[in-house]
Amino acid sequence: MLKIPFEFWIGARYSDLSRILQLLLRCTGLAWLLRTAARGIPALRRSGLSDWLESMHAAQLARRQRDGFVSFIAVSSMAGIALGVAALIVVLSVMNGFQKDVRDRMLSVLPHIELYVPGAAPEHILAQWQALGEAARQNPSVRAAAPFVAAQGMIVRGQALRGVQVRGIDPATEGAVSDVTHQVRAGSLDALKPGSFNVALGQDLAAALGVSVGDTVMLLAPQGTVSPAGFAPRMRQFTVGGIFSSGHYEYDSSLAFVDAQDAARVFRDTGTAGVRLRVADMQRAPQVARELAGVLPNYVMARDWSLNNQTWFAAVQTEKRMMFLILALIVAVAAFNLLSSLVMAVKDKQSDIAILRTYGATPAEVARIFLVQGATIGVVGTLLGVGGGMAIAYNIETIIPAIERLLGINFIPREIYFISSLPSDPRQGDIVTIGVTSLALSLLATLYPSWRASRLEPARVLRYD
């Protein structure tokens, strides 16, 4: 019953755990406090705590001189594992946060589900959108419905020309299916009334055109009329009635909201009309869309938010998998470093192993010593990496701005990454997967050195020692 603790003690000693403990005590100042208390308090001095601390320090110095190189490799293996685990946690947390933040900002403008009739006249669909919305609300997951008209157009202001996505909405019902009504920075969506020909522009689009509330812009539709003088595009003057900011650069620089009736008049040939829906759980939107497609008429198409941005989400998922594989190589390299340190430890401790074998230790018991040594390095390195990675991941929204202010640079340009800050979303499943992967690689790295140590023949080792 005493063999396993003794093997654990030897393995932990070879893993240089005491040096790690001393380093932590020194970093936190506890080592100095313990020595001062042991020397200054009579009760602790009489208990022998001071002598024990001094003897442990002296033994550590002696062993450092004797086993310095092997000990250095063990500590570097532990540091490599901790660095790889921390890097994996931070990178995956940032990618999760990036995906979640961009998705939420997308869905603050876009609906969860769109029901539309391809090729139908927008004015005809708007006249019966309530019936289509009521049919959709028969599904218990659907919470709200609002009409829309979608089209592509161009906005002209002086010499500035910009392509835009035009969305015709009903301000009275739009707040139930999106957050646009809460994102208005100037003016109001209430200005979008039928026949008023007012428009709400994204903040970056308004800045590019150089307009503000009350200014006028020219909206061009892609279709027009052909006359003896040539092709004349259909155009209409609109007044800027509001400016909104969703926080997503792509929409803030290319999206314009108008009244649904006005959009149907301007884009009566190329616009697509239908109903925007919001569901209780956006993660179930694909399933709800399939259910609606099964009960609505065949000419009504249902499209959920994941299909509208399928390419982007697929690219993010692929990048996340590839980053996990690439950064897992850091842990694999640290595991190979652990393997080499254990092989060197076996080579350095041949005499000690031979003596243990002559005292009656079995090959399995010798193997367990080095298994414990490698497992201790792997477990401590993994725990340090998980702790450090979580500390950074949960505070990255404070750390990155501080670094940006210190260096005077911007890591996340909005024009490229859609967002201006570095979000983080640590997930328990990712952290557990990373920890288990690190432990598994560490344990695999200990198998060969442990087997090699168990195969040493005491007579041959002691003959040449």
Protein backbone atom coordinates (compact mmCIF):
# COMPACT_ATOMS: atom_id res chain seq x y z
CA MET A 1 0.00 0.00 0.00
CA LEU A 2 3.03 2.28 0.50
CA LYS A 3 4.53 1.69 -2.93
CA ILE A 4 2.25 3.92 -4.97
CA PRO A 5 2.75 7.06 -2.78
CA PHE A 6 6.52 6.43 -2.82
CA GLU A 7 6.53 6.14 -6.59
CA PHE A 8 4.46 9.26 -6.83
CA TRP A 9 6.90 11.12 -4.56
CA ILE A 10 9.89 10.10 -6.68
CA GLY A 11 8.13 10.96 -9.94
CA ALA A 12 6.99 14.34 -8.62
CA ARG A 13 10.53 15.04 -7.38
CA TYR A 14 12.01 14.23 -10.80
CA SER A 15 9.42 16.47 -12.49
CA ASP A 16 10.90 19.42 -10.54
CA LEU A 17 7.54 20.27 -9.05
CA SER A 18 9.26 21.73 -6.00
CA ARG A 19 11.00 24.32 -8.18
CA ILE A 20 7.68 25.33 -9.72
CA LEU A 21 6.20 25.63 -6.22
CA GLN A 22 9.13 27.73 -5.06
CA LEU A 23 8.84 29.94 -8.14
CA LEU A 24 5.15 30.52 -7.46
CA LEU A 25 5.87 31.29 -3.82
CA ARG A 26 8.55 33.78 -4.81
CA CYS A 27 6.34 35.46 -7.40
CA THR A 28 3.53 35.89 -4.90
CA GLY A 29 5.84 36.85 -2.03
CA LEU A 30 4.69 33.94 0.12
CA ALA A 31 8.19 32.45 0.35
CA TRP A 32 9.52 35.59 2.02
CA LEU A 33 6.51 35.77 4.35
CA LEU A 34 6.90 32.13 5.39
CA ARG A 35 10.60 32.51 6.15
CA THR A 36 10.06 35.75 8.05
CA ALA A 37 7.20 34.26 10.03
CA ALA A 38 9.13 31.07 10.77
CA ARG A 39 12.09 33.07 12.08
CA GLY A 40 10.13 35.74 13.97
CA ILE A 41 7.36 33.77 15.66
CA PRO A 42 8.70 31.69 18.58
CA ALA A 43 6.03 29.00 18.25
CA LEU A 44 6.85 28.42 14.58
CA ARG A 45 10.58 28.54 15.31
CA ARG A 46 10.21 25.88 17.99
CA SER A 47 8.11 23.74 15.63
CA GLY A 48 11.06 23.43 13.26
CA LEU A 49 9.35 25.16 10.31
CA SER A 50 12.29 27.51 9.80
CA ASP A 51 14.80 24.65 9.72
CA TRP A 52 12.60 22.71 7.29
CA LEU A 53 12.33 25.67 4.90
CA GLU A 54 16.09 26.23 4.99
CA SER A 55 16.82 22.56 4.40
CA MET A 56 14.37 22.44 1.50
CA HIS A 57 16.02 25.50 -0.03
CA ALA A 58 19.49 24.00 0.40
CA ALA A 59 18.39 20.70 -1.10
CA GLN A 60 16.86 22.53 -4.02
CA LEU A 61 20.13 24.37 -4.67
CA ALA A 62 22.14 21.15 -4.49
CA ARG A 63 19.80 19.30 -6.83
CA ARG A 64 19.79 22.27 -9.23
CA GLN A 65 23.56 22.02 -9.56
CA ARG A 66 23.41 18.24 -10.03
CA ASP A 67 20.40 17.94 -12.32
CA GLY A 68 20.28 21.43 -13.78
CA PHE A 69 20.09 20.52 -17.47
CA VAL A 70 17.47 17.79 -17.14
CA SER A 71 15.49 19.97 -14.76
CA PHE A 72 15.62 22.86 -17.23
CA ILE A 73 14.20 20.66 -20.00
CA ALA A 74 11.39 19.48 -17.69
CA VAL A 75 10.47 23.06 -16.80
CA SER A 76 10.63 24.12 -20.45
CA SER A 77 8.31 21.21 -21.37
CA MET A 78 5.85 22.34 -18.72
CA ALA A 79 6.06 25.93 -19.98
CA GLY A 80 5.57 24.79 -23.58
CA ILE A 81 2.43 22.86 -22.67
CA ALA A 82 1.08 25.81 -20.69
CA LEU A 83 1.82 28.22 -23.55
CA GLY A 84 0.14 25.98 -26.14
CA VAL A 85 -2.97 25.43 -24.02
CA ALA A 86 -3.29 29.13 -23.21
CA ALA A 87 -2.86 30.10 -26.88
CA LEU A 88 -5.54 27.60 -27.95
CA ILE A 89 -8.02 28.86 -25.36
CA VAL A 90 -7.45 32.53 -26.22
CA VAL A 91 -7.59 32.07 -30.01
CA LEU A 92 -10.72 29.87 -29.97
CA SER A 93 -12.41 32.23 -27.50
CA VAL A 94 -11.67 35.20 -29.77
CA MET A 95 -12.99 33.34 -32.82
CA ASN A 96 -16.14 32.35 -30.92
CA GLY A 97 -16.61 35.93 -29.78
CA PHE A 98 -16.01 37.26 -33.29
CA GLN A 99 -18.59 34.88 -34.75
CA LYS A 100 -21.14 35.64 -32.02
CA ASP A 101 -20.65 39.41 -32.18
CA VAL A 102 -20.90 39.60 -35.97
CA ARG A 103 -23.91 37.26 -35.96
CA ASP A 104 -25.73 39.34 -33.34
CA ARG A 105 -25.03 42.55 -35.23
CA MET A 106 -26.23 40.94 -38.45
CA LEU A 107 -29.45 39.82 -36.80
CA SER A 108 -30.03 43.27 -35.33
CA VAL A 109 -30.69 44.34 -38.93
CA LEU A 110 -31.64 41.11 -40.69
CA PRO A 111 -34.69 38.98 -39.81
CA HIS A 112 -34.52 35.43 -38.53
CA ILE A 113 -36.66 34.20 -41.45
CA GLU A 114 -37.88 35.78 -44.68
CA LEU A 115 -40.98 34.63 -46.55
CA TYR A 116 -41.15 35.92 -50.13
CA VAL A 117 -42.70 35.19 -53.51
CA PRO A 118 -40.13 35.29 -56.35
CA GLY A 119 -41.23 37.30 -59.40
CA ALA A 120 -44.41 38.69 -57.82
CA ALA A 121 -45.14 42.41 -57.95
CA PRO A 122 -44.15 44.04 -54.61
CA GLU A 123 -47.37 46.06 -54.38
CA HIS A 124 -49.44 42.88 -54.77
CA ILE A 125 -47.53 41.10 -51.95
CA LEU A 126 -47.76 44.14 -49.63
CA ALA A 127 -51.53 44.18 -50.09
CA GLN A 128 -51.82 40.71 -48.53
CA TRP A 129 -48.82 40.49 -46.21
CA GLN A 130 -51.07 40.31 -43.11
CA ALA A 131 -52.59 37.05 -44.32
CA LEU A 132 -49.14 35.60 -44.96
CA GLY A 133 -47.97 36.76 -41.54
CA GLU A 134 -51.00 35.23 -39.79
CA ALA A 135 -50.37 31.91 -41.53
CA ALA A 136 -46.74 31.99 -40.35
CA ARG A 137 -47.77 32.84 -36.77
CA GLN A 138 -49.65 29.57 -36.57
CA ASN A 139 -46.24 28.09 -35.85
CA PRO A 140 -45.69 28.47 -32.07
CA SER A 141 -42.03 29.46 -32.58
CA VAL A 142 -42.89 32.58 -34.60
CA ARG A 143 -43.12 35.66 -32.39
CA ALA A 144 -43.64 38.57 -34.82
CA ALA A 145 -44.04 39.45 -38.51
CA ALA A 146 -43.50 42.60 -40.59
CA PRO A 147 -43.59 43.39 -44.34
CA PHE A 148 -40.51 44.17 -46.42
CA VAL A 149 -39.38 45.02 -49.93
CA ALA A 150 -35.78 44.25 -50.93
CA ALA A 151 -33.95 45.67 -53.94
CA GLN A 152 -30.60 46.87 -55.19
CA GLY A 153 -30.07 50.48 -56.19
CA MET A 154 -27.64 53.38 -56.32
CA ILE A 155 -27.59 56.63 -54.33
CA VAL A 156 -26.17 59.82 -55.82
CA ARG A 157 -25.20 62.95 -53.91
CA GLY A 158 -23.22 65.47 -55.92
CA GLN A 159 -20.15 63.67 -57.25
CA ALA A 160 -20.56 60.77 -54.77
CA LEU A 161 -22.11 57.56 -56.07
CA ARG A 162 -22.71 54.48 -53.93
CA GLY A 163 -24.37 51.12 -54.52
CA VAL A 164 -26.88 50.30 -51.78
CA GLN A 165 -29.17 47.56 -50.54
CA VAL A 166 -32.63 49.12 -50.26
CA ARG A 167 -35.02 47.69 -47.67
CA GLY A 168 -38.61 48.83 -47.68
CA ILE A 169 -40.10 48.48 -44.17
CA ASP A 170 -43.12 49.45 -42.10
CA PRO A 171 -41.78 51.49 -39.14
CA ALA A 172 -44.83 50.57 -37.05
CA THR A 173 -44.09 46.83 -37.16
CA GLU A 174 -40.33 46.75 -37.89
CA GLY A 175 -39.39 47.04 -34.22
CA ALA A 176 -40.89 43.60 -33.56
CA VAL A 177 -38.56 41.79 -35.99
CA SER A 178 -35.29 43.79 -35.79
CA ASP A 179 -33.42 46.28 -33.60
CA VAL A 180 -33.19 49.03 -36.22
CA THR A 181 -35.59 51.27 -34.32
CA HIS A 182 -33.15 51.30 -31.37
CA GLN A 183 -30.08 51.97 -33.54
CA VAL A 184 -31.12 55.36 -34.92
CA ARG A 185 -28.46 57.97 -34.11
CA ALA A 186 -30.10 60.96 -35.79
CA GLY A 187 -33.63 61.64 -36.97
CA SER A 188 -36.30 58.95 -36.64
CA LEU A 189 -37.72 55.99 -38.53
CA ASP A 190 -41.16 57.53 -38.02
CA ALA A 191 -40.25 59.84 -40.92
CA LEU A 192 -40.58 56.87 -43.28
CA LYS A 193 -44.23 57.36 -44.21
CA PRO A 194 -45.98 56.30 -47.43
CA GLY A 195 -45.57 58.98 -50.07
CA SER A 196 -43.00 60.98 -48.06
CA PHE A 197 -40.03 59.44 -49.91
CA ASN A 198 -37.76 59.69 -46.89
CA VAL A 199 -34.77 57.41 -46.37
CA ALA A 200 -32.72 56.22 -43.36
CA LEU A 201 -29.05 55.67 -44.18
CA GLY A 202 -26.30 53.76 -42.42
CA GLN A 203 -23.85 55.92 -40.51
CA ASP A 204 -20.85 55.11 -42.71
CA LEU A 205 -22.91 55.46 -45.90
CA ALA A 206 -24.11 58.92 -44.80
CA ALA A 207 -20.53 59.91 -43.99
CA ALA A 208 -19.32 58.72 -47.42
CA LEU A 209 -22.05 60.75 -49.15
CA GLY A 210 -21.52 63.74 -46.87
CA VAL A 211 -25.18 64.04 -45.88
CA SER A 212 -27.12 64.53 -42.66
CA VAL A 213 -30.78 64.59 -41.65
CA GLY A 214 -32.73 66.91 -43.94
CA ASP A 215 -30.43 66.62 -46.96
CA THR A 216 -31.64 65.15 -50.23
CA VAL A 217 -30.19 62.29 -52.27
CA MET A 218 -31.10 60.72 -55.59
CA LEU A 219 -32.04 57.03 -55.60
CA LEU A 220 -31.62 55.19 -58.91
CA ALA A 221 -33.37 51.90 -59.73
CA PRO A 222 -31.62 49.43 -62.06
CA GLN A 223 -34.57 49.34 -64.47
CA GLY A 224 -35.67 52.29 -66.58
CA THR A 225 -37.26 53.31 -69.87
CA VAL A 226 -35.91 53.25 -73.40
CA SER A 227 -36.63 56.28 -75.62
CA PRO A 228 -35.22 57.68 -78.88
CA ALA A 229 -32.79 59.62 -76.70
CA GLY A 230 -31.50 56.37 -75.15
CA PHE A 231 -31.88 54.51 -71.87
CA ALA A 232 -33.13 56.59 -68.94
CA PRO A 233 -32.84 54.98 -65.50
CA ARG A 234 -35.71 55.33 -63.08
CA MET A 235 -34.78 57.76 -60.31
CA ARG A 236 -36.43 59.47 -57.39
CA GLN A 237 -35.32 62.13 -54.97
CA PHE A 238 -35.38 61.10 -51.30
CA THR A 239 -34.90 63.15 -48.15
CA VAL A 240 -32.67 61.81 -45.40
CA GLY A 241 -35.00 61.26 -42.45
CA GLY A 242 -32.68 59.24 -40.19
CA ILE A 243 -29.19 57.84 -39.69
CA PHE A 244 -28.64 54.50 -37.93
CA SER A 245 -25.62 52.52 -36.73
CA SER A 246 -25.78 48.73 -36.30
CA GLY A 247 -22.08 48.37 -35.46
CA HIS A 248 -21.59 46.16 -38.54
CA TYR A 249 -19.57 48.01 -41.16
CA GLU A 250 -20.99 46.12 -44.14
CA TYR A 251 -24.55 47.21 -43.33
CA ASP A 252 -23.69 50.67 -42.03
CA SER A 253 -21.93 51.42 -45.32
CA SER A 254 -24.40 49.92 -47.80
CA LEU A 255 -27.92 49.73 -46.32
CA ALA A 256 -30.79 52.18 -46.79
CA PHE A 257 -34.29 51.90 -45.28
CA VAL A 258 -37.34 53.45 -46.95
CA ASP A 259 -41.07 53.00 -46.53
CA ALA A 260 -42.28 49.71 -48.00
CA GLN A 261 -44.91 51.42 -50.20
CA ASP A 262 -42.33 53.88 -51.58
CA ALA A 263 -39.91 51.02 -52.29
CA ALA A 264 -42.64 49.10 -54.12
CA ARG A 265 -43.30 52.09 -56.37
CA VAL A 266 -39.64 52.73 -57.22
CA PHE A 267 -38.68 49.06 -57.62
CA ARG A 268 -41.97 47.71 -58.97
CA ASP A 269 -40.17 45.57 -61.58
CA THR A 270 -37.10 44.24 -59.73
CA GLY A 271 -38.01 44.39 -56.03
CA THR A 272 -38.79 41.32 -53.93
CA ALA A 273 -41.53 41.62 -51.31
CA GLY A 274 -42.57 39.39 -48.46
CA VAL A 275 -42.74 39.04 -44.69
CA ARG A 276 -39.90 39.21 -42.14
CA LEU A 277 -40.29 36.90 -39.15
CA ARG A 278 -38.70 36.73 -35.71
CA VAL A 279 -38.66 33.39 -33.87
CA ALA A 280 -38.23 32.62 -30.18
CA ASP A 281 -34.89 30.84 -30.61
CA MET A 282 -32.75 32.03 -33.51
CA GLN A 283 -30.75 28.78 -33.40
CA ARG A 284 -33.95 26.95 -34.42
CA ALA A 285 -34.62 29.30 -37.35
CA PRO A 286 -33.52 26.74 -39.99
CA GLN A 287 -35.89 24.13 -38.54
CA VAL A 288 -38.77 26.63 -38.30
CA ALA A 289 -38.15 27.71 -41.92
CA ARG A 290 -38.43 24.09 -43.06
CA GLU A 291 -41.66 23.68 -41.09
CA LEU A 292 -43.14 26.82 -42.66
CA ALA A 293 -42.11 25.72 -46.14
CA GLY A 294 -44.06 22.51 -45.60
CA VAL A 295 -47.35 24.20 -44.64
CA LEU A 296 -47.34 27.38 -46.77
CA PRO A 297 -48.24 27.42 -50.49
CA ASN A 298 -45.55 26.14 -52.85
CA TYR A 299 -44.96 29.56 -54.40
CA VAL A 300 -43.91 31.02 -51.01
CA MET A 301 -40.19 30.62 -50.31
CA ALA A 302 -38.77 30.52 -46.77
CA ARG A 303 -35.17 31.55 -46.15
CA ASP A 304 -33.52 31.73 -42.71
CA TRP A 305 -30.60 33.89 -41.56
CA SER A 306 -28.05 31.06 -41.73
CA LEU A 307 -28.71 30.61 -45.47
CA ASN A 308 -28.49 34.35 -46.11
CA ASN A 309 -24.94 34.30 -44.68
CA GLN A 310 -24.03 30.67 -45.30
CA THR A 311 -20.67 31.37 -46.97
CA TRP A 312 -19.45 33.62 -44.17
CA PHE A 313 -20.42 31.23 -41.36
CA ALA A 314 -18.92 28.25 -43.20
CA ALA A 315 -15.65 30.17 -43.65
CA VAL A 316 -15.51 31.05 -39.94
CA GLN A 317 -16.12 27.42 -38.92
CA THR A 318 -13.38 26.22 -41.29
CA GLU A 319 -10.96 28.82 -39.93
CA LYS A 320 -11.77 27.75 -36.36
CA ARG A 321 -11.02 24.09 -37.11
CA MET A 322 -7.78 24.94 -38.89
CA MET A 323 -6.65 27.25 -36.08
CA PHE A 324 -7.30 24.46 -33.56
CA LEU A 325 -5.18 22.03 -35.58
CA ILE A 326 -2.38 24.55 -36.13
CA LEU A 327 -2.19 25.68 -32.52
CA ALA A 328 -2.50 22.10 -31.27
CA LEU A 329 0.90 21.58 -32.89
CA ILE A 330 2.35 23.83 -30.18
CA VAL A 331 1.10 21.36 -27.57
CA ALA A 332 2.40 18.48 -29.69
CA VAL A 333 5.86 20.09 -29.87
CA ALA A 334 5.80 20.54 -26.09
CA ALA A 335 4.82 16.87 -25.76
CA PHE A 336 7.82 15.86 -27.89
CA ASN A 337 9.96 18.07 -25.67
CA LEU A 338 8.52 16.22 -22.67
CA LEU A 339 9.38 12.89 -24.31
CA SER A 340 12.99 13.97 -24.88
CA SER A 341 13.30 15.25 -21.30
CA LEU A 342 12.05 11.93 -19.94
CA VAL A 343 14.45 9.98 -22.16
CA MET A 344 17.30 12.11 -20.84
CA ALA A 345 16.05 11.63 -17.28
CA VAL A 346 16.05 7.85 -17.79
CA LYS A 347 19.59 8.05 -19.15
CA ASP A 348 20.72 10.25 -16.26
CA LYS A 349 19.05 8.10 -13.58
CA GLN A 350 20.23 4.70 -14.77
CA SER A 351 22.18 4.11 -11.59
CA ASP A 352 19.23 5.06 -9.39
CA ILE A 353 16.96 2.76 -11.39
CA ALA A 354 19.43 -0.11 -11.09
CA ILE A 355 19.64 0.38 -7.31
CA LEU A 356 15.85 0.40 -7.03
CA ARG A 357 15.70 -2.82 -9.04
CA THR A 358 18.28 -4.49 -6.77
CA TYR A 359 16.17 -3.52 -3.75
CA GLY A 360 13.25 -5.41 -5.29
CA ALA A 361 11.41 -2.82 -7.40
CA THR A 362 9.61 -4.45 -10.31
CA PRO A 363 9.77 -3.11 -13.91
CA ALA A 364 6.16 -1.96 -13.59
CA GLU A 365 6.98 0.06 -10.49
CA VAL A 366 9.95 1.70 -12.22
CA ALA A 367 7.74 2.51 -15.21
CA ARG A 368 5.16 4.10 -12.93
CA ILE A 369 7.79 6.45 -11.53
CA PHE A 370 8.40 8.00 -14.95
CA LEU A 371 4.70 7.87 -15.80
CA VAL A 372 4.07 9.95 -12.71
CA GLN A 373 6.89 12.31 -13.65
CA GLY A 374 5.54 12.91 -17.15
CA ALA A 375 1.92 13.05 -15.99
CA THR A 376 2.84 15.60 -13.31
CA ILE A 377 4.52 17.83 -15.90
CA GLY A 378 1.52 17.44 -18.23
CA VAL A 379 -1.09 18.09 -15.55
CA VAL A 380 0.67 21.11 -14.06
CA GLY A 381 1.40 22.56 -17.51
CA THR A 382 -2.20 22.04 -18.58
CA LEU A 383 -3.59 23.61 -15.40
CA LEU A 384 -1.28 26.61 -15.75
CA GLY A 385 -2.27 26.97 -19.40
CA VAL A 386 -5.99 26.69 -18.68
CA GLY A 387 -5.74 29.21 -15.85
CA GLY A 388 -3.67 31.67 -17.88
CA GLY A 389 -5.75 31.23 -21.01
CA MET A 390 -9.02 31.79 -19.17
CA ALA A 391 -7.60 34.85 -17.39
CA ILE A 392 -6.67 36.40 -20.76
CA ALA A 393 -9.84 35.25 -22.59
CA TYR A 394 -12.18 36.70 -19.97
CA ASN A 395 -10.32 40.03 -19.88
CA ILE A 396 -9.24 40.42 -23.51
CA GLU A 397 -11.71 43.23 -24.10
CA THR A 398 -9.73 45.23 -21.51
CA ILE A 399 -6.24 44.01 -22.44
CA ILE A 400 -6.37 44.71 -26.20
CA PRO A 401 -7.59 48.35 -25.94
CA ALA A 402 -4.82 49.01 -23.40
CA ILE A 403 -2.22 47.59 -25.81
CA GLU A 404 -3.70 49.60 -28.70
CA ARG A 405 -3.50 52.81 -26.68
CA LEU A 406 0.05 52.00 -25.60
CA LEU A 407 1.32 51.24 -29.11
CA GLY A 408 -0.93 53.68 -30.95
CA ILE A 409 -2.23 51.09 -33.45
CA ASN A 410 -5.57 49.50 -34.29
CA PHE A 411 -5.62 45.70 -34.51
CA ILE A 412 -9.19 45.44 -35.89
CA PRO A 413 -9.99 47.86 -38.75
CA ARG A 414 -13.78 48.00 -39.21
CA GLU A 415 -13.44 48.12 -42.99
CA ILE A 416 -11.90 44.62 -43.00
CA TYR A 417 -13.33 42.76 -40.00
CA PHE A 418 -16.80 44.39 -39.84
CA ILE A 419 -16.29 45.19 -36.13
CA SER A 420 -13.93 47.57 -34.31
CA SER A 421 -13.20 45.67 -31.08
CA LEU A 422 -11.84 42.21 -30.28
CA PRO A 423 -14.62 40.16 -28.63
CA SER A 424 -14.13 36.98 -26.62
CA ASP A 425 -16.53 34.14 -25.86
CA PRO A 426 -14.84 31.35 -23.83
CA ARG A 427 -16.87 28.16 -24.06
CA GLN A 428 -16.69 25.33 -21.58
CA GLY A 429 -16.73 22.69 -24.32
CA ASP A 430 -13.66 24.17 -26.04
CA ILE A 431 -11.74 24.49 -22.77
CA VAL A 432 -12.49 20.89 -21.78
CA THR A 433 -11.49 19.64 -25.25
CA ILE A 434 -8.21 21.56 -25.14
CA GLY A 435 -7.41 20.31 -21.63
CA VAL A 436 -8.17 16.69 -22.47
CA THR A 437 -6.12 16.90 -25.68
CA SER A 438 -3.14 18.32 -23.79
CA LEU A 439 -3.33 15.64 -21.10
CA ALA A 440 -3.66 12.87 -23.69
CA LEU A 441 -0.58 14.07 -25.62
CA SER A 442 1.39 14.38 -22.38
CA LEU A 443 0.49 10.86 -21.28
CA LEU A 444 1.35 9.45 -24.70
CA ALA A 445 4.75 11.14 -24.50
CA THR A 446 5.52 9.28 -21.24
CA LEU A 447 4.87 5.76 -22.57
CA TYR A 448 8.13 5.16 -24.42
CA PRO A 449 10.50 6.58 -21.73
CA SER A 450 8.66 4.62 -19.03
CA TRP A 451 8.90 1.41 -21.05
CA ARG A 452 12.59 2.06 -21.68
CA ALA A 453 13.23 2.62 -17.97
CA SER A 454 11.46 -0.62 -17.07
CA ARG A 455 13.66 -2.56 -19.53
CA LEU A 456 16.99 -1.51 -17.98
CA GLU A 457 19.07 -4.41 -16.65
CA PRO A 458 20.60 -3.55 -13.23
CA ALA A 459 23.66 -5.79 -13.66
CA ARG A 460 24.69 -4.19 -16.96
CA VAL A 461 24.15 -0.66 -15.64
CA LEU A 462 26.05 -1.18 -12.38
CA ARG A 463 28.90 -2.99 -14.16
CA TYR A 464 29.86 0.14 -16.12
CA ASP A 465 28.89 2.72 -13.52
